[in-house]
């Protein structure tokens, strides 16, 4: 495991250097693009009769359980780091809106994508059982704004818009994982749960995750308040994240939701009432650096995974169809309410477009697709998921800044006749 981790870290560092030195794209987008070009180059060499480098990369990636690495380890730290810097007062002010987007939006998107895919796939000569179409809807609906948040800030996006996108993503990861686990249980067993059993499982997973996160956050707050030693306090937060996530998995409750709630408590009450200025600086620096490193590794792995995705020419039409379905579902489930009630969401009139286009998919979707049982359904879903994620990060991620700029120009007041004439 250490050998594999060292190789992944070296590859990530080199690709991050290439991006910063020559390409200068946002880190997550840039390293994924470099990794994909690298992998495609090795595929080309393999086709020309030089199989060694391609075989080594494929062998290395097959030793990495991407799903377990992300869902079982990295996700807890990424969600905690993201929640750590969310202002709880602003989140409370937008609580109903974030809840609508994260819970109702994810639910509606899962249903829309799943049903539409089941209905439309026969058009391109494919067929998937309804339960697998709904599984695809559940894994592709959660958004991952890691790559876009820096762009939103640099483009001068309104703070309210950034809060809605970040707040939605923090919670819809947990909601999507709960739906995925429920549907996967139905797909792999003959038992069809009753509505009461479904509601009970949702309450256990989501409610239990929130309660555990609150308890862990309160415990961390008490411990942090009782000492003033930044090395130990940083260590306590790391233990909270890794140990708390393992505990949540052992209790069969939502680890992602638990980490979000714990991060909100530590990042707000803990920061204000339990930490010295030095501890705050050290804690922020540690988690920001860890967040950057983990994201770089994650997106490099996403780019390298292209060698393991079973691409087939017959699935090109299905990929284009799925892209249209996913974007349409996002527009209806999330953009629609924001377009109908922009004042309630606190957004500019054109803000719904950024909210729709800025919902990027990322590693969590690929990890869930890889967690499906082996079979032809998994191969189809994995390819469709990878296409959506790559399009989302490379196309949506690189075009969100111009969209924000156009929104700002459209919302800017037009100059008065005197101003336009120079008087």
Foldseek 3Di string as FASTA:
>chain_A
DVVLVVVLLVLLVVQQCCCVVPVVDQQLLRLLVSLQVVLVVQVVVVVVPNNVVNVVLVVSLVVDLLLCCVVVPVLLLLLLLLLLPADVVLCVVLVVVLCLCQAQLLVLQLVQQLVVLQVCVVVLPDHDPSLLSSLLSLLFSQFDLPLALVLCVVLVPDPLLSNSLSSNNLRNLLVSVLSNVVSLVVVVDVDDDDPVVSVVSCCCAQVVLLVLLQVLLVVLLVVLQVDADLVVNLVSVVCSRNVSLVVCVVSVYRSSSSSSSSSNSCSHVVVPRRYDPVNVVVNSVVSVVVNSSSSSSQSSSLSSCVSVQPDDPSCPVVLVVSLVSSLVSLCVSQLVVCCVCVVSSVHPNCSSVLSSLSRAHGSSSLSSLSVRDDDPSSNSSNNSSSSRNSCSCNVSSVCSSVVSVVSVVVPDDDDDPCVVVPD
